Amino acid sequence: MTELTQEQRHEQALEKYKLGTPQLLEEIKDLSPDDQKDQIQWAFEDEAEAQGLQPWELTLKYTSTPEEFEAQRLVLHKEAAEVLGVDWEEYCEMNNLVV
Protein backbone atom coordinates (compact mmCIF):
# COMPACT_ATOMS: atom_id res chain seq x y z
CA MET A 1 0.00 0.00 0.00
CA THR A 2 1.38 3.41 -0.89
CA GLU A 3 1.70 6.15 1.68
CA LEU A 4 -0.80 8.97 1.28
CA THR A 5 0.43 12.49 0.75
CA GLN A 6 -0.53 15.01 3.42
CA GLU A 7 -3.04 16.53 0.99
CA GLN A 8 -4.66 13.14 0.26
CA ARG A 9 -4.77 12.36 3.97
CA HIS A 10 -6.40 15.73 4.65
CA GLU A 11 -9.03 15.14 1.94
CA GLN A 12 -9.82 11.76 3.53
CA ALA A 13 -10.12 13.40 6.95
CA LEU A 14 -12.49 16.06 5.58
CA GLU A 15 -14.67 13.34 4.04
CA LYS A 16 -14.87 11.50 7.38
CA TYR A 17 -15.52 14.78 9.18
CA LYS A 18 -18.40 15.59 6.79
CA LEU A 19 -20.00 12.20 7.49
CA GLY A 20 -20.10 13.07 11.18
CA THR A 21 -21.52 16.57 10.71
CA PRO A 22 -24.81 16.28 8.82
CA GLN A 23 -26.08 19.50 10.42
CA LEU A 24 -23.17 21.42 8.89
CA LEU A 25 -23.90 19.97 5.46
CA GLU A 26 -27.54 20.95 5.83
CA GLU A 27 -26.60 24.51 6.80
CA ILE A 28 -24.31 25.02 3.79
CA LYS A 29 -26.23 23.07 1.13
CA ASP A 30 -27.30 26.23 -0.74
CA LEU A 31 -23.77 27.64 -1.00
CA SER A 32 -21.58 27.28 -4.07
CA PRO A 33 -19.24 24.24 -4.09
CA ASP A 34 -16.24 26.49 -3.38
CA ASP A 35 -18.00 28.17 -0.47
CA GLN A 36 -19.09 24.79 0.88
CA LYS A 37 -15.48 23.60 0.75
CA ASP A 38 -14.32 26.71 2.62
CA GLN A 39 -17.02 26.34 5.28
CA ILE A 40 -16.11 22.67 5.83
CA GLN A 41 -12.42 23.54 6.12
CA TRP A 42 -13.16 26.29 8.65
CA ALA A 43 -15.44 24.02 10.66
CA PHE A 44 -12.73 21.35 10.63
CA GLU A 45 -10.18 23.86 11.93
CA ASP A 46 -12.63 24.95 14.64
CA GLU A 47 -13.11 21.31 15.62
CA ALA A 48 -9.35 20.84 15.86
CA GLU A 49 -9.09 23.89 18.13
CA ALA A 50 -11.99 22.62 20.26
CA GLN A 51 -10.08 19.37 20.77
CA GLY A 52 -6.84 21.20 21.58
CA LEU A 53 -5.23 20.02 18.34
CA GLN A 54 -3.66 21.57 15.29
CA PRO A 55 -5.62 20.92 12.07
CA TRP A 56 -2.88 18.54 10.86
CA GLU A 57 -3.25 16.59 14.11
CA LEU A 58 -7.00 16.25 13.60
CA THR A 59 -6.30 15.08 10.04
CA LEU A 60 -4.00 12.44 11.49
CA LYS A 61 -6.61 11.49 14.08
CA TYR A 62 -9.26 10.93 11.40
CA THR A 63 -6.97 8.87 9.18
CA SER A 64 -5.18 6.56 11.61
CA THR A 65 -5.76 4.24 14.53
CA PRO A 66 -5.35 5.73 18.03
CA GLU A 67 -1.95 4.00 18.36
CA GLU A 68 -0.74 5.25 14.99
CA PHE A 69 -2.05 8.72 15.80
CA GLU A 70 0.01 9.06 18.98
CA ALA A 71 3.18 7.67 17.38
CA GLN A 72 2.90 9.77 14.20
CA ARG A 73 1.91 12.87 16.13
CA LEU A 74 5.08 12.72 18.21
CA VAL A 75 7.25 12.06 15.16
CA LEU A 76 5.81 15.09 13.38
CA HIS A 77 6.10 17.29 16.46
CA LYS A 78 9.75 16.24 16.88
CA GLU A 79 10.40 17.14 13.24
CA ALA A 80 8.78 20.54 13.80
CA ALA A 81 10.93 21.16 16.88
CA GLU A 82 14.07 20.29 14.91
CA VAL A 83 13.09 22.54 12.01
CA LEU A 84 12.40 25.38 14.44
CA GLY A 85 15.63 24.71 16.30
CA VAL A 86 13.79 24.44 19.61
CA ASP A 87 14.80 22.09 22.41
CA TRP A 88 12.35 19.16 22.58
CA GLU A 89 11.35 19.74 26.20
CA GLU A 90 10.85 23.45 25.56
CA TYR A 91 8.83 22.65 22.44
CA CYS A 92 6.61 20.27 24.43
CA GLU A 93 6.00 22.98 27.02
CA MET A 94 5.17 25.59 24.38
CA ASN A 95 2.71 23.21 22.67
CA ASN A 96 1.22 21.63 25.79
CA LEU A 97 2.46 18.20 24.78
CA VAL A 98 2.57 15.50 27.39
CA VAL A 99 5.15 12.89 26.48
PDB file of N, CA and C in Angstrom:
ATOM      1  N   MET A   1       0.836  -1.176   0.000  1.00  0.00           N
ATOM      2  CA  MET A   1       0.000   0.000   0.000  1.00  0.00           C
ATOM      3  C   MET A   1       0.886   1.247   0.000  1.00  0.00           C
ATOM      4  N   THR A   2       0.562   2.209  -0.830  1.00  0.00           N
ATOM      5  CA  THR A   2       1.383   3.413  -0.894  1.00  0.00           C
ATOM      6  C   THR A   2       0.970   4.390   0.192  1.00  0.00           C
ATOM      7  N   GLU A   3       1.934   5.146   0.643  1.00  0.00           N
ATOM      8  CA  GLU A   3       1.702   6.149   1.676  1.00  0.00           C
ATOM      9  C   GLU A   3       0.962   7.331   1.056  1.00  0.00           C
ATOM     10  N   LEU A   4      -0.043   7.813   1.759  1.00  0.00           N
ATOM     11  CA  LEU A   4      -0.801   8.969   1.276  1.00  0.00           C
ATOM     12  C   LEU A   4       0.010  10.244   1.461  1.00  0.00           C
ATOM     13  N   THR A   5      -0.170  11.178   0.552  1.00  0.00           N
ATOM     14  CA  THR A   5       0.431  12.489   0.751  1.00  0.00           C
ATOM     15  C   THR A   5      -0.374  13.192   1.837  1.00  0.00           C
ATOM     16  N   GLN A   6       0.186  14.256   2.395  1.00  0.00           N
ATOM     17  CA  GLN A   6      -0.526  15.011   3.420  1.00  0.00           C
ATOM     18  C   GLN A   6      -1.845  15.551   2.863  1.00  0.00           C
ATOM     19  N   GLU A   7      -1.828  15.990   1.611  1.00  0.00           N
ATOM     20  CA  GLU A   7      -3.041  16.527   0.992  1.00  0.00           C
ATOM     21  C   GLU A   7      -4.110  15.442   0.841  1.00  0.00           C
ATOM     22  N   GLN A   8      -3.714  14.249   0.407  1.00  0.00           N
ATOM     23  CA  GLN A   8      -4.660  13.145   0.258  1.00  0.00           C
ATOM     24  C   GLN A   8      -5.220  12.741   1.625  1.00  0.00           C
ATOM     25  N   ARG A   9      -4.349  12.710   2.606  1.00  0.00           N
ATOM     26  CA  ARG A   9      -4.768  12.359   3.969  1.00  0.00           C
ATOM     27  C   ARG A   9      -5.775  13.389   4.479  1.00  0.00           C
ATOM     28  N   HIS A  10      -5.503  14.666   4.199  1.00  0.00           N
ATOM     29  CA  HIS A  10      -6.399  15.727   4.655  1.00  0.00           C
ATOM     30  C   HIS A  10      -7.759  15.615   3.961  1.00  0.00           C
ATOM     31  N   GLU A  11      -7.761  15.314   2.663  1.00  0.00           N
ATOM     32  CA  GLU A  11      -9.026  15.138   1.940  1.00  0.00           C
ATOM     33  C   GLU A  11      -9.827  13.989   2.531  1.00  0.00           C
ATOM     34  N   GLN A  12      -9.157  12.902   2.887  1.00  0.00           N
ATOM     35  CA  GLN A  12      -9.820  11.756   3.529  1.00  0.00           C
ATOM     36  C   GLN A  12     -10.421  12.183   4.863  1.00  0.00           C
ATOM     37  N   ALA A  13      -9.647  12.941   5.634  1.00  0.00           N
ATOM     38  CA  ALA A  13     -10.117  13.398   6.946  1.00  0.00           C
ATOM     39  C   ALA A  13     -11.345  14.289   6.796  1.00  0.00           C
ATOM     40  N   LEU A  14     -11.334  15.179   5.805  1.00  0.00           N
ATOM     41  CA  LEU A  14     -12.488  16.058   5.585  1.00  0.00           C
ATOM     42  C   LEU A  14     -13.725  15.245   5.213  1.00  0.00           C
ATOM     43  N   GLU A  15     -13.541  14.200   4.413  1.00  0.00           N
ATOM     44  CA  GLU A  15     -14.670  13.342   4.042  1.00  0.00           C
ATOM     45  C   GLU A  15     -15.262  12.662   5.287  1.00  0.00           C
ATOM     46  N   LYS A  16     -14.402  12.145   6.144  1.00  0.00           N
ATOM     47  CA  LYS A  16     -14.873  11.502   7.381  1.00  0.00           C
ATOM     48  C   LYS A  16     -15.531  12.527   8.294  1.00  0.00           C
ATOM     49  N   TYR A  17     -14.956  13.716   8.353  1.00  0.00           N
ATOM     50  CA  TYR A  17     -15.520  14.779   9.177  1.00  0.00           C
ATOM     51  C   TYR A  17     -16.923  15.132   8.679  1.00  0.00           C
ATOM     52  N   LYS A  18     -17.089  15.254   7.368  1.00  0.00           N
ATOM     53  CA  LYS A  18     -18.397  15.593   6.788  1.00  0.00           C
ATOM     54  C   LYS A  18     -19.448  14.545   7.146  1.00  0.00           C
ATOM     55  N   LEU A  19     -19.059  13.274   7.151  1.00  0.00           N
ATOM     56  CA  LEU A  19     -19.997  12.203   7.491  1.00  0.00           C
ATOM     57  C   LEU A  19     -20.528  12.358   8.917  1.00  0.00           C
ATOM     58  N   GLY A  20     -19.705  12.908   9.781  1.00  0.00           N
ATOM     59  CA  GLY A  20     -20.099  13.074  11.179  1.00  0.00           C
ATOM     60  C   GLY A  20     -20.755  14.404  11.485  1.00  0.00           C
ATOM     61  N   THR A  21     -20.940  15.244  10.476  1.00  0.00           N
ATOM     62  CA  THR A  21     -21.520  16.568  10.710  1.00  0.00           C
ATOM     63  C   THR A  21     -22.655  16.863   9.728  1.00  0.00           C
ATOM     64  N   PRO A  22     -23.717  16.054   9.762  1.00  0.00           N
ATOM     65  CA  PRO A  22     -24.815  16.277   8.817  1.00  0.00           C
ATOM     66  C   PRO A  22     -25.467  17.648   8.988  1.00  0.00           C
ATOM     67  N   GLN A  23     -25.478  18.183  10.210  1.00  0.00           N
ATOM     68  CA  GLN A  23     -26.081  19.496  10.423  1.00  0.00           C
ATOM     69  C   GLN A  23     -25.303  20.585   9.693  1.00  0.00           C
ATOM     70  N   LEU A  24     -23.986  20.460   9.633  1.00  0.00           N
ATOM     71  CA  LEU A  24     -23.170  21.420   8.892  1.00  0.00           C
ATOM     72  C   LEU A  24     -23.508  21.352   7.407  1.00  0.00           C
ATOM     73  N   LEU A  25     -23.590  20.142   6.890  1.00  0.00           N
ATOM     74  CA  LEU A  25     -23.902  19.966   5.464  1.00  0.00           C
ATOM     75  C   LEU A  25     -25.271  20.548   5.131  1.00  0.00           C
ATOM     76  N   GLU A  26     -26.207  20.391   6.045  1.00  0.00           N
ATOM     77  CA  GLU A  26     -27.543  20.950   5.831  1.00  0.00           C
ATOM     78  C   GLU A  26     -27.482  22.481   5.804  1.00  0.00           C
ATOM     79  N   GLU A  27     -26.707  23.056   6.708  1.00  0.00           N
ATOM     80  CA  GLU A  27     -26.601  24.514   6.803  1.00  0.00           C
ATOM     81  C   GLU A  27     -25.976  25.144   5.556  1.00  0.00           C
ATOM     82  N   ILE A  28     -25.058  24.429   4.910  1.00  0.00           N
ATOM     83  CA  ILE A  28     -24.311  25.019   3.792  1.00  0.00           C
ATOM     84  C   ILE A  28     -24.761  24.515   2.422  1.00  0.00           C
ATOM     85  N   LYS A  29     -25.825  23.724   2.385  1.00  0.00           N
ATOM     86  CA  LYS A  29     -26.229  23.071   1.129  1.00  0.00           C
ATOM     87  C   LYS A  29     -26.534  24.041  -0.007  1.00  0.00           C
ATOM     88  N   ASP A  30     -26.951  25.269   0.312  1.00  0.00           N
ATOM     89  CA  ASP A  30     -27.299  26.225  -0.737  1.00  0.00           C
ATOM     90  C   ASP A  30     -26.128  27.081  -1.199  1.00  0.00           C
ATOM     91  N   LEU A  31     -24.962  26.878  -0.592  1.00  0.00           N
ATOM     92  CA  LEU A  31     -23.775  27.640  -0.995  1.00  0.00           C
ATOM     93  C   LEU A  31     -23.155  27.026  -2.243  1.00  0.00           C
ATOM     94  N   SER A  32     -22.307  27.809  -2.916  1.00  0.00           N
ATOM     95  CA  SER A  32     -21.581  27.276  -4.073  1.00  0.00           C
ATOM     96  C   SER A  32     -20.610  26.186  -3.594  1.00  0.00           C
ATOM     97  N   PRO A  33     -20.191  25.288  -4.490  1.00  0.00           N
ATOM     98  CA  PRO A  33     -19.241  24.236  -4.091  1.00  0.00           C
ATOM     99  C   PRO A  33     -17.972  24.801  -3.435  1.00  0.00           C
ATOM    100  N   ASP A  34     -17.443  25.898  -3.981  1.00  0.00           N
ATOM    101  CA  ASP A  34     -16.238  26.487  -3.383  1.00  0.00           C
ATOM    102  C   ASP A  34     -16.509  27.005  -1.982  1.00  0.00           C
ATOM    103  N   ASP A  35     -17.647  27.660  -1.796  1.00  0.00           N
ATOM    104  CA  ASP A  35     -17.998  28.173  -0.470  1.00  0.00           C
ATOM    105  C   ASP A  35     -18.259  27.034   0.512  1.00  0.00           C
ATOM    106  N   GLN A  36     -18.868  25.964   0.021  1.00  0.00           N
ATOM    107  CA  GLN A  36     -19.085  24.792   0.880  1.00  0.00           C
ATOM    108  C   GLN A  36     -17.743  24.230   1.351  1.00  0.00           C
ATOM    109  N   LYS A  37     -16.809  24.125   0.416  1.00  0.00           N
ATOM    110  CA  LYS A  37     -15.480  23.596   0.755  1.00  0.00           C
ATOM    111  C   LYS A  37     -14.806  24.462   1.810  1.00  0.00           C
ATOM    112  N   ASP A  38     -14.904  25.784   1.637  1.00  0.00           N
ATOM    113  CA  ASP A  38     -14.318  26.707   2.619  1.00  0.00           C
ATOM    114  C   ASP A  38     -14.968  26.538   3.987  1.00  0.00           C
ATOM    115  N   GLN A  39     -16.293  26.467   4.011  1.00  0.00           N
ATOM    116  CA  GLN A  39     -17.016  26.337   5.278  1.00  0.00           C
ATOM    117  C   GLN A  39     -16.639  25.038   5.994  1.00  0.00           C
ATOM    118  N   ILE A  40     -16.502  23.954   5.238  1.00  0.00           N
ATOM    119  CA  ILE A  40     -16.114  22.666   5.825  1.00  0.00           C
ATOM    120  C   ILE A  40     -14.700  22.759   6.390  1.00  0.00           C
ATOM    121  N   GLN A  41     -13.797  23.385   5.641  1.00  0.00           N
ATOM    122  CA  GLN A  41     -12.419  23.542   6.118  1.00  0.00           C
ATOM    123  C   GLN A  41     -12.392  24.359   7.411  1.00  0.00           C
ATOM    124  N   TRP A  42     -13.143  25.447   7.450  1.00  0.00           N
ATOM    125  CA  TRP A  42     -13.158  26.292   8.652  1.00  0.00           C
ATOM    126  C   TRP A  42     -13.763  25.557   9.846  1.00  0.00           C
ATOM    127  N   ALA A  43     -14.818  24.798   9.591  1.00  0.00           N
ATOM    128  CA  ALA A  43     -15.441  24.022  10.661  1.00  0.00           C
ATOM    129  C   ALA A  43     -14.470  22.957  11.173  1.00  0.00           C
ATOM    130  N   PHE A  44     -13.724  22.357  10.260  1.00  0.00           N
ATOM    131  CA  PHE A  44     -12.726  21.347  10.626  1.00  0.00           C
ATOM    132  C   PHE A  44     -11.656  21.980  11.518  1.00  0.00           C
ATOM    133  N   GLU A  45     -11.191  23.161  11.136  1.00  0.00           N
ATOM    134  CA  GLU A  45     -10.179  23.863  11.929  1.00  0.00           C
ATOM    135  C   GLU A  45     -10.732  24.241  13.304  1.00  0.00           C
ATOM    136  N   ASP A  46     -11.989  24.653  13.353  1.00  0.00           N
ATOM    137  CA  ASP A  46     -12.627  24.954  14.638  1.00  0.00           C
ATOM    138  C   ASP A  46     -12.717  23.710  15.509  1.00  0.00           C
ATOM    139  N   GLU A  47     -13.035  22.578  14.888  1.00  0.00           N
ATOM    140  CA  GLU A  47     -13.113  21.313  15.622  1.00  0.00           C
ATOM    141  C   GLU A  47     -11.744  20.935  16.186  1.00  0.00           C
ATOM    142  N   ALA A  48     -10.708  21.125  15.387  1.00  0.00           N
ATOM    143  CA  ALA A  48      -9.348  20.838  15.863  1.00  0.00           C
ATOM    144  C   ALA A  48      -9.054  21.688  17.094  1.00  0.00           C
ATOM    145  N   GLU A  49      -9.342  22.977  17.003  1.00  0.00           N
ATOM    146  CA  GLU A  49      -9.091  23.885  18.126  1.00  0.00           C
ATOM    147  C   GLU A  49      -9.891  23.463  19.357  1.00  0.00           C
ATOM    148  N   ALA A  50     -11.144  23.063  19.154  1.00  0.00           N
ATOM    149  CA  ALA A  50     -11.992  22.623  20.264  1.00  0.00           C
ATOM    150  C   ALA A  50     -11.415  21.393  20.962  1.00  0.00           C
ATOM    151  N   GLN A  51     -10.702  20.567  20.196  1.00  0.00           N
ATOM    152  CA  GLN A  51     -10.079  19.367  20.767  1.00  0.00           C
ATOM    153  C   GLN A  51      -8.655  19.631  21.258  1.00  0.00           C
ATOM    154  N   GLY A  52      -8.198  20.868  21.148  1.00  0.00           N
ATOM    155  CA  GLY A  52      -6.844  21.202  21.582  1.00  0.00           C
ATOM    156  C   GLY A  52      -5.782  20.676  20.628  1.00  0.00           C
ATOM    157  N   LEU A  53      -6.146  20.558  19.349  1.00  0.00           N
ATOM    158  CA  LEU A  53      -5.228  20.017  18.345  1.00  0.00           C
ATOM    159  C   LEU A  53      -4.990  21.039  17.245  1.00  0.00           C
ATOM    160  N   GLN A  54      -3.902  20.842  16.525  1.00  0.00           N
ATOM    161  CA  GLN A  54      -3.663  21.572  15.292  1.00  0.00           C
ATOM    162  C   GLN A  54      -4.487  20.872  14.201  1.00  0.00           C
ATOM    163  N   PRO A  55      -4.867  21.590  13.137  1.00  0.00           N
ATOM    164  CA  PRO A  55      -5.616  20.919  12.067  1.00  0.00           C
ATOM    165  C   PRO A  55      -4.909  19.673  11.515  1.00  0.00           C
ATOM    166  N   TRP A  56      -3.577  19.724  11.382  1.00  0.00           N
ATOM    167  CA  TRP A  56      -2.877  18.544  10.861  1.00  0.00           C
ATOM    168  C   TRP A  56      -2.987  17.370  11.833  1.00  0.00           C
ATOM    169  N   GLU A  57      -3.092  17.667  13.139  1.00  0.00           N
ATOM    170  CA  GLU A  57      -3.247  16.589  14.111  1.00  0.00           C
ATOM    171  C   GLU A  57      -4.639  15.958  13.997  1.00  0.00           C
ATOM    172  N   LEU A  58      -5.655  16.792  13.771  1.00  0.00           N
ATOM    173  CA  LEU A  58      -7.000  16.246  13.596  1.00  0.00           C
ATOM    174  C   LEU A  58      -7.070  15.418  12.320  1.00  0.00           C
ATOM    175  N   THR A  59      -6.385  15.865  11.273  1.00  0.00           N
ATOM    176  CA  THR A  59      -6.304  15.077  10.044  1.00  0.00           C
ATOM    177  C   THR A  59      -5.724  13.706  10.357  1.00  0.00           C
ATOM    178  N   LEU A  60      -4.642  13.697  11.103  1.00  0.00           N
ATOM    179  CA  LEU A  60      -3.996  12.439  11.489  1.00  0.00           C
ATOM    180  C   LEU A  60      -4.943  11.579  12.319  1.00  0.00           C
ATOM    181  N   LYS A  61      -5.672  12.214  13.215  1.00  0.00           N
ATOM    182  CA  LYS A  61      -6.605  11.491  14.078  1.00  0.00           C
ATOM    183  C   LYS A  61      -7.704  10.806  13.264  1.00  0.00           C
ATOM    184  N   TYR A  62      -8.195  11.493  12.239  1.00  0.00           N
ATOM    185  CA  TYR A  62      -9.260  10.934  11.401  1.00  0.00           C
ATOM    186  C   TYR A  62      -8.760   9.856  10.450  1.00  0.00           C
ATOM    187  N   THR A  63      -7.467   9.795  10.208  1.00  0.00           N
ATOM    188  CA  THR A  63      -6.966   8.873   9.179  1.00  0.00           C
ATOM    189  C   THR A  63      -6.028   7.798   9.719  1.00  0.00           C
ATOM    190  N   SER A  64      -6.041   7.599  11.033  1.00  0.00           N
ATOM    191  CA  SER A  64      -5.179   6.561  11.605  1.00  0.00           C
ATOM    192  C   SER A  64      -5.831   5.962  12.843  1.00  0.00           C
ATOM    193  N   THR A  65      -5.278   4.847  13.289  1.00  0.00           N
ATOM    194  CA  THR A  65      -5.756   4.241  14.533  1.00  0.00           C
ATOM    195  C   THR A  65      -5.245   5.089  15.690  1.00  0.00           C
ATOM    196  N   PRO A  66      -5.836   4.948  16.878  1.00  0.00           N
ATOM    197  CA  PRO A  66      -5.345   5.729  18.027  1.00  0.00           C
ATOM    198  C   PRO A  66      -3.850   5.515  18.300  1.00  0.00           C
ATOM    199  N   GLU A  67      -3.374   4.287  18.122  1.00  0.00           N
ATOM    200  CA  GLU A  67      -1.955   4.002  18.358  1.00  0.00           C
ATOM    201  C   GLU A  67      -1.080   4.701  17.321  1.00  0.00           C
ATOM    202  N   GLU A  68      -1.494   4.597  16.058  1.00  0.00           N
ATOM    203  CA  GLU A  68      -0.744   5.252  14.987  1.00  0.00           C
ATOM    204  C   GLU A  68      -0.760   6.769  15.173  1.00  0.00           C
ATOM    205  N   PHE A  69      -1.908   7.285  15.601  1.00  0.00           N
ATOM    206  CA  PHE A  69      -2.046   8.724  15.803  1.00  0.00           C
ATOM    207  C   PHE A  69      -1.007   9.229  16.794  1.00  0.00           C
ATOM    208  N   GLU A  70      -0.925   8.602  17.952  1.00  0.00           N
ATOM    209  CA  GLU A  70       0.015   9.064  18.979  1.00  0.00           C
ATOM    210  C   GLU A  70       1.456   8.967  18.502  1.00  0.00           C
ATOM    211  N   ALA A  71       1.800   7.861  17.854  1.00  0.00           N
ATOM    212  CA  ALA A  71       3.178   7.674  17.382  1.00  0.00           C
ATOM    213  C   ALA A  71       3.517   8.700  16.300  1.00  0.00           C
ATOM    214  N   GLN A  72       2.660   8.833  15.302  1.00  0.00           N
ATOM    215  CA  GLN A  72       2.904   9.773  14.202  1.00  0.00           C
ATOM    216  C   GLN A  72       2.913  11.216  14.684  1.00  0.00           C
ATOM    217  N   ARG A  73       2.018  11.517  15.605  1.00  0.00           N
ATOM    218  CA  ARG A  73       1.908  12.874  16.134  1.00  0.00           C
ATOM    219  C   ARG A  73       3.231  13.288  16.775  1.00  0.00           C
ATOM    220  N   LEU A  74       3.804  12.399  17.571  1.00  0.00           N
ATOM    221  CA  LEU A  74       5.078  12.721  18.214  1.00  0.00           C
ATOM    222  C   LEU A  74       6.196  12.858  17.205  1.00  0.00           C
ATOM    223  N   VAL A  75       6.222  11.986  16.202  1.00  0.00           N
ATOM    224  CA  VAL A  75       7.252  12.064  15.158  1.00  0.00           C
ATOM    225  C   VAL A  75       7.176  13.425  14.460  1.00  0.00           C
ATOM    226  N   LEU A  76       5.965  13.834  14.084  1.00  0.00           N
ATOM    227  CA  LEU A  76       5.806  15.094  13.379  1.00  0.00           C
ATOM    228  C   LEU A  76       6.118  16.292  14.275  1.00  0.00           C
ATOM    229  N   HIS A  77       5.761  16.206  15.532  1.00  0.00           N
ATOM    230  CA  HIS A  77       6.104  17.291  16.455  1.00  0.00           C
ATOM    231  C   HIS A  77       7.623  17.378  16.649  1.00  0.00           C
ATOM    232  N   LYS A  78       8.290  16.231  16.729  1.00  0.00           N
ATOM    233  CA  LYS A  78       9.750  16.236  16.876  1.00  0.00           C
ATOM    234  C   LYS A  78      10.408  16.859  15.652  1.00  0.00           C
ATOM    235  N   GLU A  79       9.872  16.538  14.472  1.00  0.00           N
ATOM    236  CA  GLU A  79      10.402  17.140  13.245  1.00  0.00           C
ATOM    237  C   GLU A  79      10.213  18.656  13.278  1.00  0.00           C
ATOM    238  N   ALA A  80       9.052  19.095  13.725  1.00  0.00           N
ATOM    239  CA  ALA A  80       8.781  20.537  13.804  1.00  0.00           C
ATOM    240  C   ALA A  80       9.750  21.212  14.769  1.00  0.00           C
ATOM    241  N   ALA A  81       9.999  20.586  15.898  1.00  0.00           N
ATOM    242  CA  ALA A  81      10.928  21.156  16.882  1.00  0.00           C
ATOM    243  C   ALA A  81      12.322  21.285  16.280  1.00  0.00           C
ATOM    244  N   GLU A  82      12.751  20.260  15.543  1.00  0.00           N
ATOM    245  CA  GLU A  82      14.074  20.295  14.911  1.00  0.00           C
ATOM    246  C   GLU A  82      14.154  21.405  13.871  1.00  0.00           C
ATOM    247  N   VAL A  83      13.115  21.515  13.045  1.00  0.00           N
ATOM    248  CA  VAL A  83      13.093  22.543  12.008  1.00  0.00           C
ATOM    249  C   VAL A  83      13.151  23.933  12.648  1.00  0.00           C
ATOM    250  N   LEU A  84      12.434  24.088  13.744  1.00  0.00           N
ATOM    251  CA  LEU A  84      12.400  25.379  14.437  1.00  0.00           C
ATOM    252  C   LEU A  84      13.652  25.632  15.279  1.00  0.00           C
ATOM    253  N   GLY A  85      14.431  24.573  15.483  1.00  0.00           N
ATOM    254  CA  GLY A  85      15.635  24.709  16.299  1.00  0.00           C
ATOM    255  C   GLY A  85      15.327  24.906  17.772  1.00  0.00           C
ATOM    256  N   VAL A  86      14.224  24.302  18.219  1.00  0.00           N
ATOM    257  CA  VAL A  86      13.795  24.440  19.609  1.00  0.00           C
ATOM    258  C   VAL A  86      14.069  23.131  20.346  1.00  0.00           C
ATOM    259  N   ASP A  87      14.577  23.250  21.561  1.00  0.00           N
ATOM    260  CA  ASP A  87      14.804  22.093  22.413  1.00  0.00           C
ATOM    261  C   ASP A  87      13.488  21.322  22.574  1.00  0.00           C
ATOM    262  N   TRP A  88      13.545  19.991  22.534  1.00  0.00           N
ATOM    263  CA  TRP A  88      12.346  19.158  22.578  1.00  0.00           C
ATOM    264  C   TRP A  88      11.492  19.439  23.812  1.00  0.00           C
ATOM    265  N   GLU A  89      12.117  19.511  24.972  1.00  0.00           N
ATOM    266  CA  GLU A  89      11.346  19.744  26.196  1.00  0.00           C
ATOM    267  C   GLU A  89      10.692  21.116  26.175  1.00  0.00           C
ATOM    268  N   GLU A  90      11.400  22.099  25.671  1.00  0.00           N
ATOM    269  CA  GLU A  90      10.849  23.447  25.561  1.00  0.00           C
ATOM    270  C   GLU A  90       9.683  23.448  24.556  1.00  0.00           C
ATOM    271  N   TYR A  91       9.879  22.751  23.449  1.00  0.00           N
ATOM    272  CA  TYR A  91       8.828  22.646  22.439  1.00  0.00           C
ATOM    273  C   TYR A  91       7.571  22.015  23.041  1.00  0.00           C
ATOM    274  N   CYS A  92       7.748  20.942  23.797  1.00  0.00           N
ATOM    275  CA  CYS A  92       6.610  20.267  24.430  1.00  0.00           C
ATOM    276  C   CYS A  92       5.864  21.224  25.353  1.00  0.00           C
ATOM    277  N   GLU A  93       6.623  21.996  26.125  1.00  0.00           N
ATOM    278  CA  GLU A  93       6.005  22.976  27.016  1.00  0.00           C
ATOM    279  C   GLU A  93       5.208  24.006  26.233  1.00  0.00           C
ATOM    280  N   MET A  94       5.818  24.543  25.179  1.00  0.00           N
ATOM    281  CA  MET A  94       5.173  25.586  24.377  1.00  0.00           C
ATOM    282  C   MET A  94       3.894  25.085  23.701  1.00  0.00           C
ATOM    283  N   ASN A  95       3.841  23.789  23.398  1.00  0.00           N
ATOM    284  CA  ASN A  95       2.709  23.213  22.673  1.00  0.00           C
ATOM    285  C   ASN A  95       1.816  22.331  23.544  1.00  0.00           C
ATOM    286  N   ASN A  96       2.018  22.412  24.853  1.00  0.00           N
ATOM    287  CA  ASN A  96       1.217  21.633  25.788  1.00  0.00           C
ATOM    288  C   ASN A  96       1.189  20.144  25.467  1.00  0.00           C
ATOM    289  N   LEU A  97       2.355  19.633  25.083  1.00  0.00           N
ATOM    290  CA  LEU A  97       2.459  18.203  24.780  1.00  0.00           C
ATOM    291  C   LEU A  97       2.871  17.444  26.024  1.00  0.00           C
ATOM    292  N   VAL A  98       2.197  16.371  26.291  1.00  0.00           N
ATOM    293  CA  VAL A  98       2.566  15.500  27.394  1.00  0.00           C
ATOM    294  C   VAL A  98       3.171  14.257  26.782  1.00  0.00           C
ATOM    295  N   VAL A  99       4.446  14.032  27.081  1.00  0.00           N
ATOM    296  CA  VAL A  99       5.155  12.891  26.475  1.00  0.00           C
ATOM    297  C   VAL A  99       5.461  11.868  27.533  1.00  0.00           C
TER     298      VAL A  99
END
